[in-house]
Amino acid sequence: MGHWFIDHMQRVCIDGIVSSWKFVLCGVPQALLLGPLLFLTFINDLDLNIYNILLKFADNIKICSGIRSTQDMSKLQEDLNTLLEWAHWQMQFNTQNCYVYWW
């Protein structure tokens, strides 16, 4: 792994338009077993100060809450606010993949 970034280059292609080649100076190569471990370490504190159940799997999280009172609703909102505050300093959530399930 130590020599992976030596002379390693990449470029980006969007809608058929290709950027120039750039040297890769840091990161974790895909398929490297260290990647998931580093990610889990990075999000390890995500559930601190969360009242409801927070499920984490790979790069997905779910917050689970039963709403039976206004107090339950307030606790869920507090948890969402806590997660947004965490995301502001750590990593933004992909809101395109956010859903609310009712049953």
PDB file of N, CA and C in Angstrom:
ATOM      1  N   MET A   1       0.815  -1.187   0.000  1.00  0.00           N
ATOM      2  CA  MET A   1       0.000   0.000   0.000  1.00  0.00           C
ATOM      3  C   MET A   1       0.861   1.255   0.000  1.00  0.00           C
ATOM      4  N   GLY A   2       1.997   1.218   0.615  1.00  0.00           N
ATOM      5  CA  GLY A   2       2.816   2.399   0.759  1.00  0.00           C
ATOM      6  C   GLY A   2       3.232   3.035  -0.555  1.00  0.00           C
ATOM      7  N   HIS A   3       3.281   2.267  -1.643  1.00  0.00           N
ATOM      8  CA  HIS A   3       3.738   2.803  -2.924  1.00  0.00           C
ATOM      9  C   HIS A   3       2.588   3.044  -3.888  1.00  0.00           C
ATOM     10  N   TRP A   4       1.364   2.937  -3.439  1.00  0.00           N
ATOM     11  CA  TRP A   4       0.221   3.044  -4.346  1.00  0.00           C
ATOM     12  C   TRP A   4       0.141   4.415  -4.992  1.00  0.00           C
ATOM     13  N   PHE A   5       0.507   5.487  -4.270  1.00  0.00           N
ATOM     14  CA  PHE A   5       0.348   6.834  -4.796  1.00  0.00           C
ATOM     15  C   PHE A   5       1.548   7.319  -5.608  1.00  0.00           C
ATOM     16  N   ILE A   6       2.597   6.540  -5.666  1.00  0.00           N
ATOM     17  CA  ILE A   6       3.751   6.951  -6.465  1.00  0.00           C
ATOM     18  C   ILE A   6       3.375   6.844  -7.936  1.00  0.00           C
ATOM     19  N   ASP A   7       3.433   7.978  -8.620  1.00  0.00           N
ATOM     20  CA  ASP A   7       3.124   8.073 -10.055  1.00  0.00           C
ATOM     21  C   ASP A   7       1.706   7.635 -10.402  1.00  0.00           C
ATOM     22  N   HIS A   8       0.791   7.648  -9.439  1.00  0.00           N
ATOM     23  CA  HIS A   8      -0.602   7.291  -9.739  1.00  0.00           C
ATOM     24  C   HIS A   8      -1.345   8.559 -10.139  1.00  0.00           C
ATOM     25  N   MET A   9      -2.041   8.485 -11.280  1.00  0.00           N
ATOM     26  CA  MET A   9      -2.766   9.648 -11.785  1.00  0.00           C
ATOM     27  C   MET A   9      -4.225   9.277 -12.039  1.00  0.00           C
ATOM     28  N   GLN A  10      -5.060  10.310 -12.065  1.00  0.00           N
ATOM     29  CA  GLN A  10      -6.471  10.083 -12.383  1.00  0.00           C
ATOM     30  C   GLN A  10      -7.018  11.310 -13.100  1.00  0.00           C
ATOM     31  N   ARG A  11      -8.168  11.121 -13.737  1.00  0.00           N
ATOM     32  CA  ARG A  11      -8.869  12.231 -14.359  1.00  0.00           C
ATOM     33  C   ARG A  11     -10.369  11.985 -14.244  1.00  0.00           C
ATOM     34  N   VAL A  12     -11.142  12.998 -14.518  1.00  0.00           N
ATOM     35  CA  VAL A  12     -12.584  12.929 -14.372  1.00  0.00           C
ATOM     36  C   VAL A  12     -13.235  13.116 -15.734  1.00  0.00           C
ATOM     37  N   CYS A  13     -14.280  12.349 -15.987  1.00  0.00           N
ATOM     38  CA  CYS A  13     -15.043  12.482 -17.225  1.00  0.00           C
ATOM     39  C   CYS A  13     -16.507  12.721 -16.855  1.00  0.00           C
ATOM     40  N   ILE A  14     -17.056  13.869 -17.291  1.00  0.00           N
ATOM     41  CA  ILE A  14     -18.457  14.196 -17.041  1.00  0.00           C
ATOM     42  C   ILE A  14     -19.099  14.568 -18.370  1.00  0.00           C
ATOM     43  N   ASP A  15     -20.138  13.842 -18.728  1.00  0.00           N
ATOM     44  CA  ASP A  15     -20.858  14.080 -19.988  1.00  0.00           C
ATOM     45  C   ASP A  15     -19.921  14.136 -21.190  1.00  0.00           C
ATOM     46  N   GLY A  16     -18.941  13.250 -21.195  1.00  0.00           N
ATOM     47  CA  GLY A  16     -18.034  13.153 -22.325  1.00  0.00           C
ATOM     48  C   GLY A  16     -16.888  14.160 -22.315  1.00  0.00           C
ATOM     49  N   ILE A  17     -16.875  15.063 -21.352  1.00  0.00           N
ATOM     50  CA  ILE A  17     -15.795  16.043 -21.248  1.00  0.00           C
ATOM     51  C   ILE A  17     -14.789  15.516 -20.229  1.00  0.00           C
ATOM     52  N   VAL A  18     -13.528  15.405 -20.662  1.00  0.00           N
ATOM     53  CA  VAL A  18     -12.492  14.780 -19.840  1.00  0.00           C
ATOM     54  C   VAL A  18     -11.526  15.843 -19.325  1.00  0.00           C
ATOM     55  N   SER A  19     -11.232  15.769 -18.035  1.00  0.00           N
ATOM     56  CA  SER A  19     -10.256  16.696 -17.443  1.00  0.00           C
ATOM     57  C   SER A  19      -8.840  16.250 -17.784  1.00  0.00           C
ATOM     58  N   SER A  20      -7.876  17.087 -17.421  1.00  0.00           N
ATOM     59  CA  SER A  20      -6.481  16.693 -17.602  1.00  0.00           C
ATOM     60  C   SER A  20      -6.095  15.726 -16.481  1.00  0.00           C
ATOM     61  N   TRP A  21      -5.037  14.977 -16.704  1.00  0.00           N
ATOM     62  CA  TRP A  21      -4.554  14.027 -15.703  1.00  0.00           C
ATOM     63  C   TRP A  21      -3.928  14.777 -14.541  1.00  0.00           C
ATOM     64  N   LYS A  22      -4.185  14.312 -13.322  1.00  0.00           N
ATOM     65  CA  LYS A  22      -3.612  14.902 -12.105  1.00  0.00           C
ATOM     66  C   LYS A  22      -3.043  13.786 -11.245  1.00  0.00           C
ATOM     67  N   PHE A  23      -1.958  14.079 -10.551  1.00  0.00           N
ATOM     68  CA  PHE A  23      -1.379  13.111  -9.627  1.00  0.00           C
ATOM     69  C   PHE A  23      -2.281  12.959  -8.409  1.00  0.00           C
ATOM     70  N   VAL A  24      -2.429  11.736  -7.932  1.00  0.00           N
ATOM     71  CA  VAL A  24      -3.171  11.444  -6.705  1.00  0.00           C
ATOM     72  C   VAL A  24      -2.171  11.518  -5.565  1.00  0.00           C
ATOM     73  N   LEU A  25      -2.443  12.404  -4.616  1.00  0.00           N
ATOM     74  CA  LEU A  25      -1.497  12.625  -3.526  1.00  0.00           C
ATOM     75  C   LEU A  25      -1.930  11.976  -2.214  1.00  0.00           C
ATOM     76  N   CYS A  26      -3.212  11.635  -2.081  1.00  0.00           N
ATOM     77  CA  CYS A  26      -3.688  11.037  -0.835  1.00  0.00           C
ATOM     78  C   CYS A  26      -4.996  10.294  -1.110  1.00  0.00           C
ATOM     79  N   GLY A  27      -5.457   9.566  -0.108  1.00  0.00           N
ATOM     80  CA  GLY A  27      -6.711   8.830  -0.222  1.00  0.00           C
ATOM     81  C   GLY A  27      -6.511   7.366   0.106  1.00  0.00           C
ATOM     82  N   VAL A  28      -7.592   6.619  -0.058  1.00  0.00           N
ATOM     83  CA  VAL A  28      -7.562   5.178   0.176  1.00  0.00           C
ATOM     84  C   VAL A  28      -8.056   4.505  -1.096  1.00  0.00           C
ATOM     85  N   PRO A  29      -7.248   3.676  -1.709  1.00  0.00           N
ATOM     86  CA  PRO A  29      -7.674   3.002  -2.943  1.00  0.00           C
ATOM     87  C   PRO A  29      -8.911   2.138  -2.704  1.00  0.00           C
ATOM     88  N   GLN A  30      -9.809   2.116  -3.689  1.00  0.00           N
ATOM     89  CA  GLN A  30     -10.968   1.236  -3.589  1.00  0.00           C
ATOM     90  C   GLN A  30     -10.503  -0.213  -3.540  1.00  0.00           C
ATOM     91  N   ALA A  31     -11.314  -1.036  -2.881  1.00  0.00           N
ATOM     92  CA  ALA A  31     -11.075  -2.473  -2.731  1.00  0.00           C
ATOM     93  C   ALA A  31      -9.975  -2.773  -1.711  1.00  0.00           C
ATOM     94  N   LEU A  32      -9.391  -1.744  -1.112  1.00  0.00           N
ATOM     95  CA  LEU A  32      -8.402  -1.965  -0.068  1.00  0.00           C
ATOM     96  C   LEU A  32      -9.156  -2.219   1.239  1.00  0.00           C
ATOM     97  N   LEU A  33      -8.818  -3.252   1.950  1.00  0.00           N
ATOM     98  CA  LEU A  33      -9.532  -3.606   3.176  1.00  0.00           C
ATOM     99  C   LEU A  33      -9.471  -2.514   4.235  1.00  0.00           C
ATOM    100  N   LEU A  34      -8.503  -1.652   4.150  1.00  0.00           N
ATOM    101  CA  LEU A  34      -8.371  -0.571   5.106  1.00  0.00           C
ATOM    102  C   LEU A  34      -9.475   0.479   4.946  1.00  0.00           C
ATOM    103  N   GLY A  35     -10.038   0.615   3.760  1.00  0.00           N
ATOM    104  CA  GLY A  35     -11.059   1.628   3.478  1.00  0.00           C
ATOM    105  C   GLY A  35     -12.262   1.566   4.409  1.00  0.00           C
ATOM    106  N   PRO A  36     -12.952   0.423   4.509  1.00  0.00           N
ATOM    107  CA  PRO A  36     -14.107   0.348   5.412  1.00  0.00           C
ATOM    108  C   PRO A  36     -13.738   0.590   6.876  1.00  0.00           C
ATOM    109  N   LEU A  37     -12.575   0.120   7.296  1.00  0.00           N
ATOM    110  CA  LEU A  37     -12.144   0.337   8.672  1.00  0.00           C
ATOM    111  C   LEU A  37     -11.935   1.830   8.949  1.00  0.00           C
ATOM    112  N   LEU A  38     -11.307   2.521   8.023  1.00  0.00           N
ATOM    113  CA  LEU A  38     -11.097   3.953   8.196  1.00  0.00           C
ATOM    114  C   LEU A  38     -12.429   4.704   8.211  1.00  0.00           C
ATOM    115  N   PHE A  39     -13.361   4.300   7.353  1.00  0.00           N
ATOM    116  CA  PHE A  39     -14.677   4.945   7.320  1.00  0.00           C
ATOM    117  C   PHE A  39     -15.415   4.732   8.635  1.00  0.00           C
ATOM    118  N   LEU A  40     -15.406   3.502   9.141  1.00  0.00           N
ATOM    119  CA  LEU A  40     -16.081   3.219  10.411  1.00  0.00           C
ATOM    120  C   LEU A  40     -15.451   4.001  11.562  1.00  0.00           C
ATOM    121  N   THR A  41     -14.146   4.150  11.529  1.00  0.00           N
ATOM    122  CA  THR A  41     -13.472   4.952  12.546  1.00  0.00           C
ATOM    123  C   THR A  41     -13.903   6.415  12.434  1.00  0.00           C
ATOM    124  N   PHE A  42     -14.045   6.881  11.221  1.00  0.00           N
ATOM    125  CA  PHE A  42     -14.434   8.270  10.972  1.00  0.00           C
ATOM    126  C   PHE A  42     -15.832   8.566  11.505  1.00  0.00           C
ATOM    127  N   ILE A  43     -16.783   7.624  11.330  1.00  0.00           N
ATOM    128  CA  ILE A  43     -18.164   7.869  11.760  1.00  0.00           C
ATOM    129  C   ILE A  43     -18.456   7.284  13.138  1.00  0.00           C
ATOM    130  N   ASN A  44     -17.434   6.822  13.845  1.00  0.00           N
ATOM    131  CA  ASN A  44     -17.626   6.149  15.124  1.00  0.00           C
ATOM    132  C   ASN A  44     -18.407   6.987  16.131  1.00  0.00           C
ATOM    133  N   ASP A  45     -18.239   8.297  16.129  1.00  0.00           N
ATOM    134  CA  ASP A  45     -18.917   9.159  17.104  1.00  0.00           C
ATOM    135  C   ASP A  45     -20.260   9.683  16.609  1.00  0.00           C
ATOM    136  N   LEU A  46     -20.733   9.199  15.490  1.00  0.00           N
ATOM    137  CA  LEU A  46     -21.975   9.687  14.904  1.00  0.00           C
ATOM    138  C   LEU A  46     -23.174   9.535  15.832  1.00  0.00           C
ATOM    139  N   ASP A  47     -23.213   8.467  16.610  1.00  0.00           N
ATOM    140  CA  ASP A  47     -24.385   8.232  17.452  1.00  0.00           C
ATOM    141  C   ASP A  47     -24.246   8.765  18.879  1.00  0.00           C
ATOM    142  N   LEU A  48     -23.214   9.563  19.140  1.00  0.00           N
ATOM    143  CA  LEU A  48     -23.105  10.185  20.462  1.00  0.00           C
ATOM    144  C   LEU A  48     -24.235  11.199  20.642  1.00  0.00           C
ATOM    145  N   ASN A  49     -24.846  11.204  21.813  1.00  0.00           N
ATOM    146  CA  ASN A  49     -25.941  12.119  22.150  1.00  0.00           C
ATOM    147  C   ASN A  49     -27.186  11.914  21.285  1.00  0.00           C
ATOM    148  N   ILE A  50     -27.369  10.713  20.767  1.00  0.00           N
ATOM    149  CA  ILE A  50     -28.576  10.377  19.996  1.00  0.00           C
ATOM    150  C   ILE A  50     -29.504   9.578  20.900  1.00  0.00           C
ATOM    151  N   TYR A  51     -30.735  10.013  21.018  1.00  0.00           N
ATOM    152  CA  TYR A  51     -31.724   9.381  21.886  1.00  0.00           C
ATOM    153  C   TYR A  51     -32.317   8.119  21.248  1.00  0.00           C
ATOM    154  N   ASN A  52     -32.654   8.205  19.968  1.00  0.00           N
ATOM    155  CA  ASN A  52     -33.292   7.087  19.267  1.00  0.00           C
ATOM    156  C   ASN A  52     -32.263   6.093  18.754  1.00  0.00           C
ATOM    157  N   ILE A  53     -32.750   5.031  18.162  1.00  0.00           N
ATOM    158  CA  ILE A  53     -31.874   3.983  17.624  1.00  0.00           C
ATOM    159  C   ILE A  53     -31.274   4.457  16.305  1.00  0.00           C
ATOM    160  N   LEU A  54     -29.957   4.352  16.193  1.00  0.00           N
ATOM    161  CA  LEU A  54     -29.251   4.715  14.971  1.00  0.00           C
ATOM    162  C   LEU A  54     -28.586   3.458  14.433  1.00  0.00           C
ATOM    163  N   LEU A  55     -28.975   3.041  13.249  1.00  0.00           N
ATOM    164  CA  LEU A  55     -28.401   1.853  12.615  1.00  0.00           C
ATOM    165  C   LEU A  55     -27.389   2.296  11.574  1.00  0.00           C
ATOM    166  N   LYS A  56     -26.185   1.734  11.635  1.00  0.00           N
ATOM    167  CA  LYS A  56     -25.131   2.064  10.681  1.00  0.00           C
ATOM    168  C   LYS A  56     -24.732   0.796   9.937  1.00  0.00           C
ATOM    169  N   PHE A  57     -24.691   0.885   8.623  1.00  0.00           N
ATOM    170  CA  PHE A  57     -24.219  -0.227   7.809  1.00  0.00           C
ATOM    171  C   PHE A  57     -23.506   0.351   6.598  1.00  0.00           C
ATOM    172  N   ALA A  58     -22.249   0.022   6.466  1.00  0.00           N
ATOM    173  CA  ALA A  58     -21.414   0.536   5.375  1.00  0.00           C
ATOM    174  C   ALA A  58     -21.525   2.056   5.358  1.00  0.00           C
ATOM    175  N   ASP A  59     -21.997   2.636   4.257  1.00  0.00           N
ATOM    176  CA  ASP A  59     -22.107   4.094   4.188  1.00  0.00           C
ATOM    177  C   ASP A  59     -23.550   4.574   4.328  1.00  0.00           C
ATOM    178  N   ASN A  60     -24.386   3.767   4.976  1.00  0.00           N
ATOM    179  CA  ASN A  60     -25.784   4.133   5.203  1.00  0.00           C
ATOM    180  C   ASN A  60     -26.086   4.195   6.687  1.00  0.00           C
ATOM    181  N   ILE A  61     -26.957   5.123   7.059  1.00  0.00           N
ATOM    182  CA  ILE A  61     -27.451   5.172   8.436  1.00  0.00           C
ATOM    183  C   ILE A  61     -28.966   5.304   8.403  1.00  0.00           C
ATOM    184  N   LYS A  62     -29.589   4.782   9.442  1.00  0.00           N
ATOM    185  CA  LYS A  62     -31.035   4.927   9.616  1.00  0.00           C
ATOM    186  C   LYS A  62     -31.283   5.299  11.063  1.00  0.00           C
ATOM    187  N   ILE A  63     -32.181   6.235  11.256  1.00  0.00           N
ATOM    188  CA  ILE A  63     -32.590   6.576  12.609  1.00  0.00           C
ATOM    189  C   ILE A  63     -34.007   6.040  12.772  1.00  0.00           C
ATOM    190  N   CYS A  64     -34.216   5.285  13.823  1.00  0.00           N
ATOM    191  CA  CYS A  64     -35.498   4.618  14.044  1.00  0.00           C
ATOM    192  C   CYS A  64     -36.173   5.200  15.282  1.00  0.00           C
ATOM    193  N   SER A  65     -37.432   5.581  15.112  1.00  0.00           N
ATOM    194  CA  SER A  65     -38.152   6.202  16.214  1.00  0.00           C
ATOM    195  C   SER A  65     -39.632   5.898  16.090  1.00  0.00           C
ATOM    196  N   GLY A  66     -40.237   5.569  17.202  1.00  0.00           N
ATOM    197  CA  GLY A  66     -41.683   5.447  17.264  1.00  0.00           C
ATOM    198  C   GLY A  66     -42.252   6.741  17.806  1.00  0.00           C
ATOM    199  N   ILE A  67     -43.165   7.345  17.100  1.00  0.00           N
ATOM    200  CA  ILE A  67     -43.747   8.623  17.517  1.00  0.00           C
ATOM    201  C   ILE A  67     -45.130   8.356  18.097  1.00  0.00           C
ATOM    202  N   ARG A  68     -45.218   8.483  19.411  1.00  0.00           N
ATOM    203  CA  ARG A  68     -46.493   8.271  20.099  1.00  0.00           C
ATOM    204  C   ARG A  68     -46.926   9.509  20.874  1.00  0.00           C
ATOM    205  N   SER A  69     -46.055  10.508  20.907  1.00  0.00           N
ATOM    206  CA  SER A  69     -46.370  11.727  21.657  1.00  0.00           C
ATOM    207  C   SER A  69     -45.568  12.895  21.080  1.00  0.00           C
ATOM    208  N   THR A  70     -45.894  14.085  21.515  1.00  0.00           N
ATOM    209  CA  THR A  70     -45.116  15.250  21.079  1.00  0.00           C
ATOM    210  C   THR A  70     -43.695  15.197  21.638  1.00  0.00           C
ATOM    211  N   GLN A  71     -43.530  14.546  22.797  1.00  0.00           N
ATOM    212  CA  GLN A  71     -42.183  14.383  23.358  1.00  0.00           C
ATOM    213  C   GLN A  71     -41.338  13.484  22.453  1.00  0.00           C
ATOM    214  N   ASP A  72     -41.928  12.402  21.926  1.00  0.00           N
ATOM    215  CA  ASP A  72     -41.215  11.533  20.979  1.00  0.00           C
ATOM    216  C   ASP A  72     -40.821  12.316  19.732  1.00  0.00           C
ATOM    217  N   MET A  73     -41.739  13.138  19.256  1.00  0.00           N
ATOM    218  CA  MET A  73     -41.471  13.939  18.067  1.00  0.00           C
ATOM    219  C   MET A  73     -40.329  14.920  18.340  1.00  0.00           C
ATOM    220  N   SER A  74     -40.326  15.530  19.517  1.00  0.00           N
ATOM    221  CA  SER A  74     -39.261  16.475  19.883  1.00  0.00           C
ATOM    222  C   SER A  74     -37.909  15.776  19.973  1.00  0.00           C
ATOM    223  N   LYS A  75     -37.889  14.557  20.550  1.00  0.00           N
ATOM    224  CA  LYS A  75     -36.632  13.794  20.663  1.00  0.00           C
ATOM    225  C   LYS A  75     -36.082  13.447  19.277  1.00  0.00           C
ATOM    226  N   LEU A  76     -36.971  13.059  18.373  1.00  0.00           N
ATOM    227  CA  LEU A  76     -36.527  12.751  17.011  1.00  0.00           C
ATOM    228  C   LEU A  76     -35.954  14.002  16.356  1.00  0.00           C
ATOM    229  N   GLN A  77     -36.626  15.133  16.513  1.00  0.00           N
ATOM    230  CA  GLN A  77     -36.115  16.373  15.928  1.00  0.00           C
ATOM    231  C   GLN A  77     -34.774  16.757  16.532  1.00  0.00           C
ATOM    232  N   GLU A  78     -34.611  16.572  17.841  1.00  0.00           N
ATOM    233  CA  GLU A  78     -33.322  16.840  18.489  1.00  0.00           C
ATOM    234  C   GLU A  78     -32.231  15.951  17.894  1.00  0.00           C
ATOM    235  N   ASP A  79     -32.565  14.676  17.668  1.00  0.00           N
ATOM    236  CA  ASP A  79     -31.583  13.760  17.072  1.00  0.00           C
ATOM    237  C   ASP A  79     -31.206  14.201  15.659  1.00  0.00           C
ATOM    238  N   LEU A  80     -32.191  14.606  14.877  1.00  0.00           N
ATOM    239  CA  LEU A  80     -31.909  15.075  13.515  1.00  0.00           C
ATOM    240  C   LEU A  80     -31.029  16.324  13.550  1.00  0.00           C
ATOM    241  N   ASN A  81     -31.315  17.224  14.479  1.00  0.00           N
ATOM    242  CA  ASN A  81     -30.486  18.423  14.622  1.00  0.00           C
ATOM    243  C   ASN A  81     -29.059  18.058  15.029  1.00  0.00           C
ATOM    244  N   THR A  82     -28.913  17.081  15.931  1.00  0.00           N
ATOM    245  CA  THR A  82     -27.581  16.627  16.350  1.00  0.00           C
ATOM    246  C   THR A  82     -26.819  16.032  15.174  1.00  0.00           C
ATOM    247  N   LEU A  83     -27.495  15.220  14.363  1.00  0.00           N
ATOM    248  CA  LEU A  83     -26.844  14.627  13.192  1.00  0.00           C
ATOM    249  C   LEU A  83     -26.431  15.695  12.188  1.00  0.00           C
ATOM    250  N   LEU A  84     -27.285  16.692  11.981  1.00  0.00           N
ATOM    251  CA  LEU A  84     -26.929  17.772  11.054  1.00  0.00           C
ATOM    252  C   LEU A  84     -25.736  18.574  11.563  1.00  0.00           C
ATOM    253  N   GLU A  85     -25.677  18.783  12.873  1.00  0.00           N
ATOM    254  CA  GLU A  85     -24.529  19.485  13.443  1.00  0.00           C
ATOM    255  C   GLU A  85     -23.251  18.673  13.248  1.00  0.00           C
ATOM    256  N   TRP A  86     -23.336  17.354  13.471  1.00  0.00           N
ATOM    257  CA  TRP A  86     -22.186  16.478  13.236  1.00  0.00           C
ATOM    258  C   TRP A  86     -21.753  16.576  11.769  1.00  0.00           C
ATOM    259  N   ALA A  87     -22.729  16.522  10.878  1.00  0.00           N
ATOM    260  CA  ALA A  87     -22.424  16.547   9.447  1.00  0.00           C
ATOM    261  C   ALA A  87     -21.784  17.866   9.031  1.00  0.00           C
ATOM    262  N   HIS A  88     -22.175  18.938   9.676  1.00  0.00           N
ATOM    263  CA  HIS A  88     -21.612  20.246   9.330  1.00  0.00           C
ATOM    264  C   HIS A  88     -20.095  20.264   9.538  1.00  0.00           C
ATOM    265  N   TRP A  89     -19.621  19.583  10.564  1.00  0.00           N
ATOM    266  CA  TRP A  89     -18.190  19.576  10.875  1.00  0.00           C
ATOM    267  C   TRP A  89     -17.457  18.379  10.295  1.00  0.00           C
ATOM    268  N   GLN A  90     -18.164  17.334   9.917  1.00  0.00           N
ATOM    269  CA  GLN A  90     -17.513  16.091   9.495  1.00  0.00           C
ATOM    270  C   GLN A  90     -17.693  15.805   8.001  1.00  0.00           C
ATOM    271  N   MET A  91     -18.936  15.558   7.609  1.00  0.00           N
ATOM    272  CA  MET A  91     -19.202  15.105   6.253  1.00  0.00           C
ATOM    273  C   MET A  91     -20.681  15.320   5.967  1.00  0.00           C
ATOM    274  N   GLN A  92     -20.997  15.903   4.843  1.00  0.00           N
ATOM    275  CA  GLN A  92     -22.390  16.183   4.504  1.00  0.00           C
ATOM    276  C   GLN A  92     -23.144  14.904   4.148  1.00  0.00           C
ATOM    277  N   PHE A  93     -24.413  14.849   4.530  1.00  0.00           N
ATOM    278  CA  PHE A  93     -25.272  13.735   4.160  1.00  0.00           C
ATOM    279  C   PHE A  93     -25.777  13.942   2.740  1.00  0.00           C
ATOM    280  N   ASN A  94     -25.987  12.856   2.030  1.00  0.00           N
ATOM    281  CA  ASN A  94     -26.562  12.914   0.695  1.00  0.00           C
ATOM    282  C   ASN A  94     -28.078  12.948   0.841  1.00  0.00           C
ATOM    283  N   THR A  95     -28.670  14.126   0.764  1.00  0.00           N
ATOM    284  CA  THR A  95     -30.110  14.268   0.981  1.00  0.00           C
ATOM    285  C   THR A  95     -30.932  13.634  -0.137  1.00  0.00           C
ATOM    286  N   GLN A  96     -30.302  13.341  -1.263  1.00  0.00           N
ATOM    287  CA  GLN A  96     -31.008  12.649  -2.349  1.00  0.00           C
ATOM    288  C   GLN A  96     -31.433  11.247  -1.924  1.00  0.00           C
ATOM    289  N   ASN A  97     -30.735  10.687  -0.927  1.00  0.00           N
ATOM    290  CA  ASN A  97     -31.022   9.324  -0.475  1.00  0.00           C
ATOM    291  C   ASN A  97     -31.745   9.283   0.863  1.00  0.00           C
ATOM    292  N   CYS A  98     -32.330  10.402   1.290  1.00  0.00           N
ATOM    293  CA  CYS A  98     -33.038  10.449   2.571  1.00  0.00           C
ATOM    294  C   CYS A  98     -34.519  10.158   2.364  1.00  0.00           C
ATOM    295  N   TYR A  99     -35.063   9.291   3.185  1.00  0.00           N
ATOM    296  CA  TYR A  99     -36.461   8.891   3.077  1.00  0.00           C
ATOM    297  C   TYR A  99     -37.100   8.857   4.463  1.00  0.00           C
ATOM    298  N   VAL A 100     -38.405   9.036   4.497  1.00  0.00           N
ATOM    299  CA  VAL A 100     -39.185   8.864   5.710  1.00  0.00           C
ATOM    300  C   VAL A 100     -40.145   7.713   5.452  1.00  0.00           C
ATOM    301  N   TYR A 101     -40.125   6.723   6.325  1.00  0.00           N
ATOM    302  CA  TYR A 101     -41.017   5.566   6.194  1.00  0.00           C
ATOM    303  C   TYR A 101     -42.106   5.655   7.246  1.00  0.00           C
ATOM    304  N   TRP A 102     -43.331   5.479   6.843  1.00  0.00           N
ATOM    305  CA  TRP A 102     -44.487   5.462   7.758  1.00  0.00           C
ATOM    306  C   TRP A 102     -45.114   4.093   7.719  1.00  0.00           C
ATOM    307  N   TRP A 103     -45.428   3.564   8.835  1.00  0.00           N
ATOM    308  CA  TRP A 103     -46.180   2.319   8.893  1.00  0.00           C
ATOM    309  C   TRP A 103     -46.950   2.238  10.163  1.00  0.00           C
TER     310      TRP A 103
END
